[in-house]
Amino acid sequence: MITQDIDEGMLAFYKELSRHSPPESANWPMADQRKAWEDVCRLFRAPRPQRLLVEDIDVDGVHIRVFRPPGEAPKPAVIYFHGGGWVLGSCETHDDMCAEMADQADSVVVLVDYRLAPEHPHPAQLEDSLKVLLWMRSSGRAFGIDPDRIVGAGDSAGGQMTVGLALVLRDHGAPQLRGQVLIYPVLGADVNTPSYIRNAHAPCLTKPEMIFYLDCFLGPKGNPNWFDPRAIPNLAFDVKGLPPAYISVAAHDPLFDDGVIFYEKLRAAGIPAILKEEPALAHSFMRARHVSEPAKKGFNGIVEALRSLGHREVLPD
């Protein structure tokens, strides 16, 4: 691993963002925390590419937002799971990132507004993701989706949801995702890895915050969720049958080792995988893509992976 100082553009962006998201908000009631995060993300949201068609839809009780680029359809599609520790986040917090992904990858992006913990712990999120994927395969053509060309993707907690979905598809003999794009993903529950220790108080995500999120998502220590590979993919003994993966990890992120461990598991099983290390970036770097050159390059790599897997069924060169 090569580590550089955190990019100044990214640091400046997050200092500005944190001015509108005070530290004491972590002690607010959950509904107030969620509203505050949505308000901050909306304040810093980049404009959508104007040529996109965007629709909000209800799929069997799950809210989704569909971003459709122009041009001949059906197109490859991305089922996207937002980050936020399974506790925060919605279609509003990830609108601009998914819009740009759809536009630049020339793919329909379906952003899933899944149920949140702690009110809805695992496996509620997995149940919602399966509902949306089944809808994409059965009804997606009406929205420009090619049901045979669906890539899974997500950032942070959304990375866990992507792999959890792929594991369920494999175990049930269902058609697999065309690929998985995992962006600074949560894939383990070991908070004593070297990267957790090294980056315990890094900007954008700290070890105490991650412990809180895991507790909300998995429930009390010792219950079956803490031993379920669908919830903690790095516990999976066998990863054969999973789709090719592009894994983006940031050096200044407690979750860095989560992505490395999973990458090594995939490679040992003979599954094509790319590990993209970002030496000057921290968690959530996609949000700084318009003010940080390394973050922009990292985002562009993610988009290229989505495009390559969706349109050519291969990882980018």
Foldseek 3Di string as FASTA:
>chain_A
DAADAAFPLLVVVLVVLCVQVDPCLVVPPLVSNQVSLLVSLLVLADDFDPQWDWDWDAQVNWIKIKTAHDDDFQFAEEEEEEDDLLRYDACSNCVRLQRVLCHLLVHIYIYTGFHGWLVDAPPRRLVSSVSVLVCCLPPVVVVRHDNLQYEYEYEAQSLLSRLLNQVVCQVVVHDGHLEYEYHLYQQADDCPDPLLVVQQPFPPDHSVRNNVSCCGHQPDPPPCSNQDCSNRVLNDPAPPNHAEYEYEHESNESSRVSRVSVQVRCVVNVHHYHYHYQNNHYGPLCSSLVRGVSSVVSSVQSSQQSNCSRPPSDGDD
